[in-house]
């Protein structure tokens, strides 16, 4: 139960951070990518804050032998850069740039304006199911 509650708390905190920083607005992302027009650098500061926080927190987290609510850390087993990783990164980046939503802000946005973000989340889930069906073959 503590594992589920901690995941819910972390997700809620993440969503609150996205909302407070304005990152649930897809125009923030589109304007960040529009370097020759209405450029908005605020996304860079949000990303920078995340990188700094993660860099500091990882030193403390991995100093422990195991996480608080699990038996082991679950880290990626594949450390090489391959075609699957690159194609996934390209699809993610193109999708984010075209519509201004990445998964976290899309889910958090459902609480503010359920129409467009809900379509994005349903489309993401459909894409994941399609990938899973193709990968099994």
C-alpha atoms as a PDB file:
ATOM      1  CA  UNK A   1       0.000   0.000   0.000  1.00  0.00           C
ATOM      2  CA  UNK A   2       2.872   2.379   0.789  1.00  0.00           C
ATOM      3  CA  UNK A   3       4.297   1.776  -2.701  1.00  0.00           C
ATOM      4  CA  UNK A   4       1.012   2.764  -4.371  1.00  0.00           C
ATOM      5  CA  UNK A   5       0.538   5.785  -2.093  1.00  0.00           C
ATOM      6  CA  UNK A   6       4.087   7.009  -2.746  1.00  0.00           C
ATOM      7  CA  UNK A   7       3.573   6.664  -6.520  1.00  0.00           C
ATOM      8  CA  UNK A   8       0.294   8.594  -6.256  1.00  0.00           C
ATOM      9  CA  UNK A   9       1.974  11.293  -4.169  1.00  0.00           C
ATOM     10  CA  UNK A  10       4.912  11.579  -6.597  1.00  0.00           C
ATOM     11  CA  UNK A  11       2.565  11.771  -9.589  1.00  0.00           C
ATOM     12  CA  UNK A  12       0.435  14.394  -7.886  1.00  0.00           C
ATOM     13  CA  UNK A  13       3.491  16.458  -7.005  1.00  0.00           C
ATOM     14  CA  UNK A  14       4.751  16.157 -10.588  1.00  0.00           C
ATOM     15  CA  UNK A  15       1.364  17.252 -11.974  1.00  0.00           C
ATOM     16  CA  UNK A  16       1.210  20.169  -9.530  1.00  0.00           C
ATOM     17  CA  UNK A  17       4.695  21.253 -10.613  1.00  0.00           C
ATOM     18  CA  UNK A  18       3.664  21.093 -14.263  1.00  0.00           C
ATOM     19  CA  UNK A  19       0.552  23.145 -13.545  1.00  0.00           C
ATOM     20  CA  UNK A  20       2.366  25.778 -11.458  1.00  0.00           C
ATOM     21  CA  UNK A  21       5.111  26.172 -14.079  1.00  0.00           C
ATOM     22  CA  UNK A  22       2.541  26.579 -16.844  1.00  0.00           C
ATOM     23  CA  UNK A  23       3.780  23.508 -18.706  1.00  0.00           C
ATOM     24  CA  UNK A  24       0.243  22.165 -19.129  1.00  0.00           C
ATOM     25  CA  UNK A  25      -0.207  24.850 -21.796  1.00  0.00           C
ATOM     26  CA  UNK A  26       0.939  23.378 -25.138  1.00  0.00           C
ATOM     27  CA  UNK A  27       1.667  26.892 -26.409  1.00  0.00           C
ATOM     28  CA  UNK A  28       4.612  27.042 -23.966  1.00  0.00           C
ATOM     29  CA  UNK A  29       6.313  24.218 -25.857  1.00  0.00           C
ATOM     30  CA  UNK A  30       5.391  25.513 -29.306  1.00  0.00           C
ATOM     31  CA  UNK A  31       6.658  28.994 -28.415  1.00  0.00           C
ATOM     32  CA  UNK A  32       9.875  27.520 -26.988  1.00  0.00           C
ATOM     33  CA  UNK A  33      10.526  25.810 -30.320  1.00  0.00           C
ATOM     34  CA  UNK A  34       9.713  28.986 -32.271  1.00  0.00           C
ATOM     35  CA  UNK A  35      13.170  30.566 -31.928  1.00  0.00           C
ATOM     36  CA  UNK A  36      12.623  33.017 -34.812  1.00  0.00           C
ATOM     37  CA  UNK A  37       9.187  34.206 -33.698  1.00  0.00           C
ATOM     38  CA  UNK A  38       7.471  34.405 -30.331  1.00  0.00           C
ATOM     39  CA  UNK A  39      10.236  32.566 -28.433  1.00  0.00           C
ATOM     40  CA  UNK A  40       9.488  31.681 -24.794  1.00  0.00           C
ATOM     41  CA  UNK A  41      12.563  30.416 -22.852  1.00  0.00           C
ATOM     42  CA  UNK A  42      10.583  29.361 -19.746  1.00  0.00           C
ATOM     43  CA  UNK A  43      10.640  25.672 -20.723  1.00  0.00           C
ATOM     44  CA  UNK A  44      14.442  25.774 -20.615  1.00  0.00           C
ATOM     45  CA  UNK A  45      14.330  26.933 -16.984  1.00  0.00           C
ATOM     46  CA  UNK A  46      11.817  24.225 -16.020  1.00  0.00           C
ATOM     47  CA  UNK A  47      13.977  21.555 -17.680  1.00  0.00           C
ATOM     48  CA  UNK A  48      17.111  23.013 -16.073  1.00  0.00           C
ATOM     49  CA  UNK A  49      15.463  22.911 -12.645  1.00  0.00           C
ATOM     50  CA  UNK A  50      14.581  19.267 -13.213  1.00  0.00           C
ATOM     51  CA  UNK A  51      18.127  18.382 -14.251  1.00  0.00           C
ATOM     52  CA  UNK A  52      19.654  20.153 -11.256  1.00  0.00           C
ATOM     53  CA  UNK A  53      17.200  18.550  -8.818  1.00  0.00           C
ATOM     54  CA  UNK A  54      17.781  15.097 -10.307  1.00  0.00           C
ATOM     55  CA  UNK A  55      21.556  15.483 -10.275  1.00  0.00           C
ATOM     56  CA  UNK A  56      21.542  16.334  -6.581  1.00  0.00           C
ATOM     57  CA  UNK A  57      18.863  13.802  -5.547  1.00  0.00           C
ATOM     58  CA  UNK A  58      20.457  10.844  -7.350  1.00  0.00           C
ATOM     59  CA  UNK A  59      23.541  11.082  -5.136  1.00  0.00           C
ATOM     60  CA  UNK A  60      21.389  10.583  -2.045  1.00  0.00           C
ATOM     61  CA  UNK A  61      19.004   8.016  -3.541  1.00  0.00           C
ATOM     62  CA  UNK A  62      21.645   5.671  -4.915  1.00  0.00           C
ATOM     63  CA  UNK A  63      23.697   5.917  -1.734  1.00  0.00           C
ATOM     64  CA  UNK A  64      21.009   3.688  -0.200  1.00  0.00           C
ATOM     65  CA  UNK A  65      21.064  -0.061  -0.742  1.00  0.00           C
ATOM     66  CA  UNK A  66      17.404  -0.194  -1.829  1.00  0.00           C
ATOM     67  CA  UNK A  67      14.446   2.133  -2.355  1.00  0.00           C
ATOM     68  CA  UNK A  68      12.047   2.885   0.496  1.00  0.00           C
ATOM     69  CA  UNK A  69       9.070   0.957  -0.885  1.00  0.00           C
ATOM     70  CA  UNK A  70      10.627  -1.750  -3.077  1.00  0.00           C
ATOM     71  CA  UNK A  71      13.209  -4.495  -2.861  1.00  0.00           C
ATOM     72  CA  UNK A  72      15.504  -3.196  -5.610  1.00  0.00           C
ATOM     73  CA  UNK A  73      16.112  -0.277  -7.931  1.00  0.00           C
ATOM     74  CA  UNK A  74      14.680  -0.859 -11.421  1.00  0.00           C
ATOM     75  CA  UNK A  75      17.225   0.535 -13.855  1.00  0.00           C
ATOM     76  CA  UNK A  76      17.489   0.032 -17.619  1.00  0.00           C
ATOM     77  CA  UNK A  77      19.351  -3.134 -18.550  1.00  0.00           C
ATOM     78  CA  UNK A  78      20.237  -1.964 -22.074  1.00  0.00           C
ATOM     79  CA  UNK A  79      22.757   0.852 -21.976  1.00  0.00           C
ATOM     80  CA  UNK A  80      23.551   1.119 -25.690  1.00  0.00           C
ATOM     81  CA  UNK A  81      22.034   3.550 -28.159  1.00  0.00           C
ATOM     82  CA  UNK A  82      20.215   1.572 -30.828  1.00  0.00           C
ATOM     83  CA  UNK A  83      17.632   2.105 -33.561  1.00  0.00           C
ATOM     84  CA  UNK A  84      14.690   1.497 -31.245  1.00  0.00           C
ATOM     85  CA  UNK A  85      15.885   4.169 -28.827  1.00  0.00           C
ATOM     86  CA  UNK A  86      16.588   6.685 -31.589  1.00  0.00           C
ATOM     87  CA  UNK A  87      13.298   6.059 -33.424  1.00  0.00           C
ATOM     88  CA  UNK A  88      11.383   6.380 -30.139  1.00  0.00           C
ATOM     89  CA  UNK A  89      13.178   9.634 -29.322  1.00  0.00           C
ATOM     90  CA  UNK A  90      12.408  11.008 -32.788  1.00  0.00           C
ATOM     91  CA  UNK A  91       8.721  10.043 -32.538  1.00  0.00           C
ATOM     92  CA  UNK A  92       8.500  11.591 -29.070  1.00  0.00           C
ATOM     93  CA  UNK A  93      10.210  14.806 -30.171  1.00  0.00           C
ATOM     94  CA  UNK A  94       8.184  15.198 -33.358  1.00  0.00           C
ATOM     95  CA  UNK A  95       4.924  14.542 -31.526  1.00  0.00           C
ATOM     96  CA  UNK A  96       5.840  16.957 -28.751  1.00  0.00           C
ATOM     97  CA  UNK A  97       6.864  19.640 -31.226  1.00  0.00           C
ATOM     98  CA  UNK A  98       3.756  19.251 -33.398  1.00  0.00           C
ATOM     99  CA  UNK A  99       1.101  19.334 -30.695  1.00  0.00           C
ATOM    100  CA  UNK A 100       2.924  20.768 -27.681  1.00  0.00           C
ATOM    101  CA  UNK A 101       2.099  17.895 -25.329  1.00  0.00           C
ATOM    102  CA  UNK A 102       4.380  15.274 -23.870  1.00  0.00           C
ATOM    103  CA  UNK A 103       2.868  12.499 -21.708  1.00  0.00           C
ATOM    104  CA  UNK A 104       3.145  14.196 -18.293  1.00  0.00           C
ATOM    105  CA  UNK A 105       1.584  17.534 -19.220  1.00  0.00           C
ATOM    106  CA  UNK A 106      -1.055  15.793 -21.350  1.00  0.00           C
ATOM    107  CA  UNK A 107      -2.262  13.743 -18.376  1.00  0.00           C
ATOM    108  CA  UNK A 108      -2.048  16.746 -16.027  1.00  0.00           C
ATOM    109  CA  UNK A 109      -3.980  18.893 -18.530  1.00  0.00           C
ATOM    110  CA  UNK A 110      -6.995  16.576 -18.476  1.00  0.00           C
ATOM    111  CA  UNK A 111      -7.963  18.131 -15.138  1.00  0.00           C
ATOM    112  CA  UNK A 112      -7.950  21.649 -16.621  1.00  0.00           C
ATOM    113  CA  UNK A 113      -9.457  21.156 -20.064  1.00  0.00           C
ATOM    114  CA  UNK A 114     -10.361  17.556 -20.807  1.00  0.00           C
ATOM    115  CA  UNK A 115     -11.112  17.855 -24.556  1.00  0.00           C
ATOM    116  CA  UNK A 116      -7.830  18.124 -26.438  1.00  0.00           C
ATOM    117  CA  UNK A 117      -5.545  16.531 -23.807  1.00  0.00           C
ATOM    118  CA  UNK A 118      -7.885  13.550 -23.487  1.00  0.00           C
ATOM    119  CA  UNK A 119      -7.577  12.918 -27.233  1.00  0.00           C
ATOM    120  CA  UNK A 120      -3.784  13.123 -26.898  1.00  0.00           C
ATOM    121  CA  UNK A 121      -3.714  10.640 -23.989  1.00  0.00           C
ATOM    122  CA  UNK A 122      -6.042   8.203 -25.775  1.00  0.00           C
ATOM    123  CA  UNK A 123      -3.849   8.466 -28.879  1.00  0.00           C
ATOM    124  CA  UNK A 124      -0.712   7.797 -26.801  1.00  0.00           C
ATOM    125  CA  UNK A 125      -2.319   4.725 -25.247  1.00  0.00           C
ATOM    126  CA  UNK A 126      -3.403   3.488 -28.691  1.00  0.00           C
ATOM    127  CA  UNK A 127       0.150   3.973 -29.963  1.00  0.00           C
ATOM    128  CA  UNK A 128       1.538   2.003 -27.016  1.00  0.00           C
ATOM    129  CA  UNK A 129      -0.895  -0.849 -27.639  1.00  0.00           C
ATOM    130  CA  UNK A 130      -0.055  -0.831 -31.356  1.00  0.00           C
ATOM    131  CA  UNK A 131       3.667  -0.953 -30.577  1.00  0.00           C
ATOM    132  CA  UNK A 132       3.151  -3.818 -28.139  1.00  0.00           C
ATOM    133  CA  UNK A 133       1.170  -5.780 -30.746  1.00  0.00           C
ATOM    134  CA  UNK A 134       3.837  -5.209 -33.419  1.00  0.00           C
ATOM    135  CA  UNK A 135       6.736  -5.959 -31.037  1.00  0.00           C
ATOM    136  CA  UNK A 136       5.237  -9.354 -30.092  1.00  0.00           C
ATOM    137  CA  UNK A 137       5.375 -10.512 -33.705  1.00  0.00           C
END
